Amino acid sequence: MYDISEILQELLDRYSNTSQLDREFNRMLQEDEDMQEDYREWCDVHGYSTTSGYRDYIDEFVESQDSIWDNYKEFGNDI
C-alpha cells in the first residue's frame, strides 16, 4: 500500500512546487495500477477529487509551512 501523502511530500522535496512535480506524480500513477487505487482511496478519505486532489494537498501543505514560518517570525524569531 502506498502512502500518498508521503510520496507527495518526497516529490515536493525533490522538485519543489513545480510542474515537474505534477509530471512525475502523474507518470507514477500511469505506471502503477495499485498506486492509482491507493490514490483514489486517499482522495476519498481526505475529501479530494481524483482530478486535483494531489495538487490541492500540495497547495495546502505549502501554505501551512508558510504559516508556520510567519508565526515563528511574528514572535520575534528572525533567522
PDB file of N, CA and C in Angstrom:
ATOM      1  N   MET A   1       0.833  -1.172   0.000  1.00  0.00           N
ATOM      2  CA  MET A   1       0.000   0.000   0.000  1.00  0.00           C
ATOM      3  C   MET A   1       0.881   1.239   0.000  1.00  0.00           C
ATOM      4  N   TYR A   2       0.514   2.198  -0.830  1.00  0.00           N
ATOM      5  CA  TYR A   2       1.280   3.426  -0.966  1.00  0.00           C
ATOM      6  C   TYR A   2       0.771   4.489   0.005  1.00  0.00           C
ATOM      7  N   ASP A   3       1.690   5.221   0.613  1.00  0.00           N
ATOM      8  CA  ASP A   3       1.350   6.364   1.445  1.00  0.00           C
ATOM      9  C   ASP A   3       1.432   7.598   0.538  1.00  0.00           C
ATOM     10  N   ILE A   4       0.296   7.999   0.001  1.00  0.00           N
ATOM     11  CA  ILE A   4       0.255   9.070  -0.983  1.00  0.00           C
ATOM     12  C   ILE A   4       0.778  10.379  -0.391  1.00  0.00           C
ATOM     13  N   SER A   5       0.423  10.683   0.840  1.00  0.00           N
ATOM     14  CA  SER A   5       0.910  11.917   1.479  1.00  0.00           C
ATOM     15  C   SER A   5       2.430  11.930   1.539  1.00  0.00           C
ATOM     16  N   GLU A   6       3.012  10.816   1.908  1.00  0.00           N
ATOM     17  CA  GLU A   6       4.472  10.718   1.987  1.00  0.00           C
ATOM     18  C   GLU A   6       5.104  10.860   0.607  1.00  0.00           C
ATOM     19  N   ILE A   7       4.525  10.211  -0.375  1.00  0.00           N
ATOM     20  CA  ILE A   7       5.043  10.314  -1.747  1.00  0.00           C
ATOM     21  C   ILE A   7       5.016  11.764  -2.212  1.00  0.00           C
ATOM     22  N   LEU A   8       3.899  12.448  -1.963  1.00  0.00           N
ATOM     23  CA  LEU A   8       3.781  13.838  -2.394  1.00  0.00           C
ATOM     24  C   LEU A   8       4.781  14.735  -1.669  1.00  0.00           C
ATOM     25  N   GLN A   9       5.018  14.493  -0.401  1.00  0.00           N
ATOM     26  CA  GLN A   9       6.000  15.293   0.331  1.00  0.00           C
ATOM     27  C   GLN A   9       7.411  15.035  -0.188  1.00  0.00           C
ATOM     28  N   GLU A  10       7.717  13.787  -0.528  1.00  0.00           N
ATOM     29  CA  GLU A  10       9.029  13.476  -1.099  1.00  0.00           C
ATOM     30  C   GLU A  10       9.202  14.146  -2.455  1.00  0.00           C
ATOM     31  N   LEU A  11       8.149  14.124  -3.275  1.00  0.00           N
ATOM     32  CA  LEU A  11       8.220  14.792  -4.574  1.00  0.00           C
ATOM     33  C   LEU A  11       8.366  16.300  -4.396  1.00  0.00           C
ATOM     34  N   LEU A  12       7.697  16.851  -3.405  1.00  0.00           N
ATOM     35  CA  LEU A  12       7.814  18.278  -3.125  1.00  0.00           C
ATOM     36  C   LEU A  12       9.240  18.624  -2.706  1.00  0.00           C
ATOM     37  N   ASP A  13       9.853  17.777  -1.902  1.00  0.00           N
ATOM     38  CA  ASP A  13      11.251  17.987  -1.512  1.00  0.00           C
ATOM     39  C   ASP A  13      12.174  17.923  -2.725  1.00  0.00           C
ATOM     40  N   ARG A  14      11.898  17.006  -3.606  1.00  0.00           N
ATOM     41  CA  ARG A  14      12.766  16.777  -4.769  1.00  0.00           C
ATOM     42  C   ARG A  14      12.572  17.831  -5.851  1.00  0.00           C
ATOM     43  N   TYR A  15      11.320  18.181  -6.159  1.00  0.00           N
ATOM     44  CA  TYR A  15      11.036  19.029  -7.313  1.00  0.00           C
ATOM     45  C   TYR A  15      10.515  20.417  -6.958  1.00  0.00           C
ATOM     46  N   SER A  16      10.367  20.694  -5.667  1.00  0.00           N
ATOM     47  CA  SER A  16       9.734  21.910  -5.206  1.00  0.00           C
ATOM     48  C   SER A  16       8.311  21.957  -5.775  1.00  0.00           C
ATOM     49  N   ASN A  17       7.661  23.075  -5.688  1.00  0.00           N
ATOM     50  CA  ASN A  17       6.274  23.168  -6.137  1.00  0.00           C
ATOM     51  C   ASN A  17       6.256  23.598  -7.604  1.00  0.00           C
ATOM     52  N   THR A  18       6.654  22.668  -8.481  1.00  0.00           N
ATOM     53  CA  THR A  18       6.809  22.972  -9.902  1.00  0.00           C
ATOM     54  C   THR A  18       5.986  22.018 -10.761  1.00  0.00           C
ATOM     55  N   SER A  19       5.927  22.335 -12.036  1.00  0.00           N
ATOM     56  CA  SER A  19       5.222  21.461 -12.979  1.00  0.00           C
ATOM     57  C   SER A  19       5.928  20.116 -13.113  1.00  0.00           C
ATOM     58  N   GLN A  20       7.209  20.072 -12.805  1.00  0.00           N
ATOM     59  CA  GLN A  20       7.924  18.801 -12.847  1.00  0.00           C
ATOM     60  C   GLN A  20       7.372  17.833 -11.798  1.00  0.00           C
ATOM     61  N   LEU A  21       6.982  18.346 -10.646  1.00  0.00           N
ATOM     62  CA  LEU A  21       6.341  17.523  -9.624  1.00  0.00           C
ATOM     63  C   LEU A  21       5.051  16.933 -10.186  1.00  0.00           C
ATOM     64  N   ASP A  22       4.246  17.766 -10.844  1.00  0.00           N
ATOM     65  CA  ASP A  22       2.993  17.294 -11.438  1.00  0.00           C
ATOM     66  C   ASP A  22       3.253  16.187 -12.451  1.00  0.00           C
ATOM     67  N   ARG A  23       4.217  16.408 -13.324  1.00  0.00           N
ATOM     68  CA  ARG A  23       4.537  15.405 -14.353  1.00  0.00           C
ATOM     69  C   ARG A  23       4.991  14.093 -13.728  1.00  0.00           C
ATOM     70  N   GLU A  24       5.846  14.186 -12.720  1.00  0.00           N
ATOM     71  CA  GLU A  24       6.376  12.975 -12.096  1.00  0.00           C
ATOM     72  C   GLU A  24       5.280  12.195 -11.375  1.00  0.00           C
ATOM     73  N   PHE A  25       4.413  12.896 -10.637  1.00  0.00           N
ATOM     74  CA  PHE A  25       3.336  12.204  -9.936  1.00  0.00           C
ATOM     75  C   PHE A  25       2.382  11.549 -10.935  1.00  0.00           C
ATOM     76  N   ASN A  26       2.033  12.266 -11.976  1.00  0.00           N
ATOM     77  CA  ASN A  26       1.155  11.689 -12.997  1.00  0.00           C
ATOM     78  C   ASN A  26       1.798  10.488 -13.683  1.00  0.00           C
ATOM     79  N   ARG A  27       3.105  10.559 -13.931  1.00  0.00           N
ATOM     80  CA  ARG A  27       3.817   9.429 -14.532  1.00  0.00           C
ATOM     81  C   ARG A  27       3.751   8.221 -13.610  1.00  0.00           C
ATOM     82  N   MET A  28       3.979   8.458 -12.319  1.00  0.00           N
ATOM     83  CA  MET A  28       3.940   7.364 -11.355  1.00  0.00           C
ATOM     84  C   MET A  28       2.553   6.711 -11.327  1.00  0.00           C
ATOM     85  N   LEU A  29       1.513   7.528 -11.352  1.00  0.00           N
ATOM     86  CA  LEU A  29       0.150   6.988 -11.355  1.00  0.00           C
ATOM     87  C   LEU A  29      -0.119   6.166 -12.624  1.00  0.00           C
ATOM     88  N   GLN A  30       0.326   6.677 -13.761  1.00  0.00           N
ATOM     89  CA  GLN A  30       0.097   5.996 -15.035  1.00  0.00           C
ATOM     90  C   GLN A  30       0.753   4.617 -15.059  1.00  0.00           C
ATOM     91  N   GLU A  31       1.887   4.486 -14.407  1.00  0.00           N
ATOM     92  CA  GLU A  31       2.670   3.260 -14.477  1.00  0.00           C
ATOM     93  C   GLU A  31       2.274   2.208 -13.436  1.00  0.00           C
ATOM     94  N   ASP A  32       1.441   2.555 -12.469  1.00  0.00           N
ATOM     95  CA  ASP A  32       1.184   1.630 -11.365  1.00  0.00           C
ATOM     96  C   ASP A  32      -0.297   1.624 -10.992  1.00  0.00           C
ATOM     97  N   GLU A  33      -0.985   0.551 -11.354  1.00  0.00           N
ATOM     98  CA  GLU A  33      -2.418   0.443 -11.073  1.00  0.00           C
ATOM     99  C   GLU A  33      -2.707   0.376  -9.576  1.00  0.00           C
ATOM    100  N   ASP A  34      -1.828  -0.247  -8.799  1.00  0.00           N
ATOM    101  CA  ASP A  34      -2.023  -0.290  -7.349  1.00  0.00           C
ATOM    102  C   ASP A  34      -1.952   1.112  -6.752  1.00  0.00           C
ATOM    103  N   MET A  35      -1.028   1.901  -7.252  1.00  0.00           N
ATOM    104  CA  MET A  35      -0.911   3.269  -6.767  1.00  0.00           C
ATOM    105  C   MET A  35      -2.146   4.078  -7.165  1.00  0.00           C
ATOM    106  N   GLN A  36      -2.673   3.836  -8.348  1.00  0.00           N
ATOM    107  CA  GLN A  36      -3.900   4.516  -8.778  1.00  0.00           C
ATOM    108  C   GLN A  36      -5.043   4.227  -7.807  1.00  0.00           C
ATOM    109  N   GLU A  37      -5.180   2.980  -7.422  1.00  0.00           N
ATOM    110  CA  GLU A  37      -6.242   2.594  -6.497  1.00  0.00           C
ATOM    111  C   GLU A  37      -6.028   3.230  -5.122  1.00  0.00           C
ATOM    112  N   ASP A  38      -4.782   3.200  -4.644  1.00  0.00           N
ATOM    113  CA  ASP A  38      -4.478   3.841  -3.358  1.00  0.00           C
ATOM    114  C   ASP A  38      -4.743   5.341  -3.420  1.00  0.00           C
ATOM    115  N   TYR A  39      -4.428   5.959  -4.554  1.00  0.00           N
ATOM    116  CA  TYR A  39      -4.672   7.385  -4.722  1.00  0.00           C
ATOM    117  C   TYR A  39      -6.174   7.681  -4.684  1.00  0.00           C
ATOM    118  N   ARG A  40      -6.975   6.864  -5.349  1.00  0.00           N
ATOM    119  CA  ARG A  40      -8.433   7.053  -5.318  1.00  0.00           C
ATOM    120  C   ARG A  40      -8.957   6.955  -3.882  1.00  0.00           C
ATOM    121  N   GLU A  41      -8.478   5.964  -3.151  1.00  0.00           N
ATOM    122  CA  GLU A  41      -8.894   5.803  -1.747  1.00  0.00           C
ATOM    123  C   GLU A  41      -8.436   6.990  -0.896  1.00  0.00           C
ATOM    124  N   TRP A  42      -7.194   7.436  -1.103  1.00  0.00           N
ATOM    125  CA  TRP A  42      -6.641   8.571  -0.372  1.00  0.00           C
ATOM    126  C   TRP A  42      -7.483   9.821  -0.618  1.00  0.00           C
ATOM    127  N   CYS A  43      -7.839  10.055  -1.873  1.00  0.00           N
ATOM    128  CA  CYS A  43      -8.676  11.207  -2.215  1.00  0.00           C
ATOM    129  C   CYS A  43     -10.024  11.112  -1.517  1.00  0.00           C
ATOM    130  N   ASP A  44     -10.609   9.929  -1.526  1.00  0.00           N
ATOM    131  CA  ASP A  44     -11.912   9.731  -0.902  1.00  0.00           C
ATOM    132  C   ASP A  44     -11.842   9.997   0.600  1.00  0.00           C
ATOM    133  N   VAL A  45     -10.832   9.473   1.264  1.00  0.00           N
ATOM    134  CA  VAL A  45     -10.668   9.643   2.708  1.00  0.00           C
ATOM    135  C   VAL A  45     -10.461  11.109   3.081  1.00  0.00           C
ATOM    136  N   HIS A  46      -9.697  11.832   2.255  1.00  0.00           N
ATOM    137  CA  HIS A  46      -9.358  13.220   2.570  1.00  0.00           C
ATOM    138  C   HIS A  46     -10.321  14.232   1.943  1.00  0.00           C
ATOM    139  N   GLY A  47     -11.298  13.751   1.199  1.00  0.00           N
ATOM    140  CA  GLY A  47     -12.287  14.653   0.613  1.00  0.00           C
ATOM    141  C   GLY A  47     -11.806  15.404  -0.615  1.00  0.00           C
ATOM    142  N   TYR A  48     -10.827  14.854  -1.317  1.00  0.00           N
ATOM    143  CA  TYR A  48     -10.304  15.471  -2.532  1.00  0.00           C
ATOM    144  C   TYR A  48     -10.914  14.797  -3.757  1.00  0.00           C
ATOM    145  N   SER A  49     -10.951  15.531  -4.863  1.00  0.00           N
ATOM    146  CA  SER A  49     -11.322  14.902  -6.127  1.00  0.00           C
ATOM    147  C   SER A  49     -10.077  14.233  -6.696  1.00  0.00           C
ATOM    148  N   THR A  50     -10.273  13.183  -7.463  1.00  0.00           N
ATOM    149  CA  THR A  50      -9.107  12.499  -8.034  1.00  0.00           C
ATOM    150  C   THR A  50      -8.422  13.346  -9.103  1.00  0.00           C
ATOM    151  N   THR A  51      -9.145  14.280  -9.668  1.00  0.00           N
ATOM    152  CA  THR A  51      -8.565  15.126 -10.704  1.00  0.00           C
ATOM    153  C   THR A  51      -7.532  16.089 -10.138  1.00  0.00           C
ATOM    154  N   SER A  52      -7.848  16.706  -9.012  1.00  0.00           N
ATOM    155  CA  SER A  52      -6.962  17.747  -8.484  1.00  0.00           C
ATOM    156  C   SER A  52      -6.539  17.504  -7.038  1.00  0.00           C
ATOM    157  N   GLY A  53      -6.805  16.327  -6.508  1.00  0.00           N
ATOM    158  CA  GLY A  53      -6.530  16.058  -5.107  1.00  0.00           C
ATOM    159  C   GLY A  53      -5.081  16.238  -4.713  1.00  0.00           C
ATOM    160  N   TYR A  54      -4.183  15.701  -5.511  1.00  0.00           N
ATOM    161  CA  TYR A  54      -2.761  15.809  -5.161  1.00  0.00           C
ATOM    162  C   TYR A  54      -2.328  17.267  -5.175  1.00  0.00           C
ATOM    163  N   ARG A  55      -2.816  18.037  -6.127  1.00  0.00           N
ATOM    164  CA  ARG A  55      -2.444  19.445  -6.242  1.00  0.00           C
ATOM    165  C   ARG A  55      -3.039  20.233  -5.070  1.00  0.00           C
ATOM    166  N   ASP A  56      -4.279  19.933  -4.694  1.00  0.00           N
ATOM    167  CA  ASP A  56      -4.900  20.593  -3.539  1.00  0.00           C
ATOM    168  C   ASP A  56      -4.104  20.304  -2.272  1.00  0.00           C
ATOM    169  N   TYR A  57      -3.685  19.048  -2.110  1.00  0.00           N
ATOM    170  CA  TYR A  57      -2.887  18.659  -0.942  1.00  0.00           C
ATOM    171  C   TYR A  57      -1.566  19.425  -0.921  1.00  0.00           C
ATOM    172  N   ILE A  58      -0.878  19.478  -2.046  1.00  0.00           N
ATOM    173  CA  ILE A  58       0.415  20.178  -2.129  1.00  0.00           C
ATOM    174  C   ILE A  58       0.225  21.654  -1.769  1.00  0.00           C
ATOM    175  N   ASP A  59      -0.790  22.284  -2.359  1.00  0.00           N
ATOM    176  CA  ASP A  59      -1.020  23.701  -2.092  1.00  0.00           C
ATOM    177  C   ASP A  59      -1.315  23.938  -0.616  1.00  0.00           C
ATOM    178  N   GLU A  60      -2.124  23.083   0.004  1.00  0.00           N
ATOM    179  CA  GLU A  60      -2.429  23.215   1.431  1.00  0.00           C
ATOM    180  C   GLU A  60      -1.176  22.990   2.279  1.00  0.00           C
ATOM    181  N   PHE A  61      -0.371  22.016   1.894  1.00  0.00           N
ATOM    182  CA  PHE A  61       0.849  21.713   2.637  1.00  0.00           C
ATOM    183  C   PHE A  61       1.818  22.898   2.582  1.00  0.00           C
ATOM    184  N   VAL A  62       2.033  23.445   1.400  1.00  0.00           N
ATOM    185  CA  VAL A  62       2.944  24.580   1.238  1.00  0.00           C
ATOM    186  C   VAL A  62       2.425  25.780   2.027  1.00  0.00           C
ATOM    187  N   GLU A  63       1.131  26.028   1.955  1.00  0.00           N
ATOM    188  CA  GLU A  63       0.541  27.138   2.692  1.00  0.00           C
ATOM    189  C   GLU A  63       0.713  26.960   4.201  1.00  0.00           C
ATOM    190  N   SER A  64       0.556  25.735   4.679  1.00  0.00           N
ATOM    191  CA  SER A  64       0.721  25.503   6.119  1.00  0.00           C
ATOM    192  C   SER A  64       2.168  25.711   6.545  1.00  0.00           C
ATOM    193  N   GLN A  65       3.115  25.357   5.701  1.00  0.00           N
ATOM    194  CA  GLN A  65       4.524  25.577   6.020  1.00  0.00           C
ATOM    195  C   GLN A  65       4.836  27.067   6.067  1.00  0.00           C
ATOM    196  N   ASP A  66       4.281  27.819   5.125  1.00  0.00           N
ATOM    197  CA  ASP A  66       4.470  29.272   5.130  1.00  0.00           C
ATOM    198  C   ASP A  66       3.891  29.873   6.404  1.00  0.00           C
ATOM    199  N   SER A  67       2.756  29.367   6.832  1.00  0.00           N
ATOM    200  CA  SER A  67       2.098  29.862   8.033  1.00  0.00           C
ATOM    201  C   SER A  67       2.954  29.612   9.275  1.00  0.00           C
ATOM    202  N   ILE A  68       3.601  28.470   9.325  1.00  0.00           N
ATOM    203  CA  ILE A  68       4.492  28.161  10.457  1.00  0.00           C
ATOM    204  C   ILE A  68       5.609  29.193  10.533  1.00  0.00           C
ATOM    205  N   TRP A  69       6.234  29.521   9.390  1.00  0.00           N
ATOM    206  CA  TRP A  69       7.324  30.500   9.383  1.00  0.00           C
ATOM    207  C   TRP A  69       6.811  31.881   9.733  1.00  0.00           C
ATOM    208  N   ASP A  70       5.613  32.233   9.246  1.00  0.00           N
ATOM    209  CA  ASP A  70       5.039  33.541   9.583  1.00  0.00           C
ATOM    210  C   ASP A  70       4.832  33.661  11.084  1.00  0.00           C
ATOM    211  N   ASN A  71       4.304  32.614  11.719  1.00  0.00           N
ATOM    212  CA  ASN A  71       4.102  32.616  13.169  1.00  0.00           C
ATOM    213  C   ASN A  71       5.424  32.699  13.910  1.00  0.00           C
ATOM    214  N   TYR A  72       6.420  31.991  13.420  1.00  0.00           N
ATOM    215  CA  TYR A  72       7.737  31.990  14.034  1.00  0.00           C
ATOM    216  C   TYR A  72       8.319  33.400  14.042  1.00  0.00           C
ATOM    217  N   LYS A  73       8.222  34.083  12.898  1.00  0.00           N
ATOM    218  CA  LYS A  73       8.754  35.441  12.777  1.00  0.00           C
ATOM    219  C   LYS A  73       7.933  36.434  13.582  1.00  0.00           C
ATOM    220  N   GLU A  74       6.628  36.201  13.672  1.00  0.00           N
ATOM    221  CA  GLU A  74       5.752  37.104  14.403  1.00  0.00           C
ATOM    222  C   GLU A  74       6.165  37.249  15.859  1.00  0.00           C
ATOM    223  N   PHE A  75       6.712  36.206  16.420  1.00  0.00           N
ATOM    224  CA  PHE A  75       7.101  36.228  17.821  1.00  0.00           C
ATOM    225  C   PHE A  75       8.562  36.619  18.020  1.00  0.00           C
ATOM    226  N   GLY A  76       9.142  37.314  17.018  1.00  0.00           N
ATOM    227  CA  GLY A  76      10.469  37.881  17.166  1.00  0.00           C
ATOM    228  C   GLY A  76      11.605  36.916  16.944  1.00  0.00           C
ATOM    229  N   ASN A  77      11.352  35.836  16.258  1.00  0.00           N
ATOM    230  CA  ASN A  77      12.394  34.847  15.995  1.00  0.00           C
ATOM    231  C   ASN A  77      12.878  34.982  14.568  1.00  0.00           C
ATOM    232  N   ASP A  78      13.808  35.899  14.339  1.00  0.00           N
ATOM    233  CA  ASP A  78      14.375  36.069  12.993  1.00  0.00           C
ATOM    234  C   ASP A  78      15.485  35.070  12.767  1.00  0.00           C
ATOM    235  N   ILE A  79      15.576  34.663  11.563  1.00  0.00           N
ATOM    236  CA  ILE A  79      16.616  33.686  11.203  1.00  0.00           C
ATOM    237  C   ILE A  79      17.779  34.399  10.583  1.00  0.00           C
TER     238      ILE A  79
END
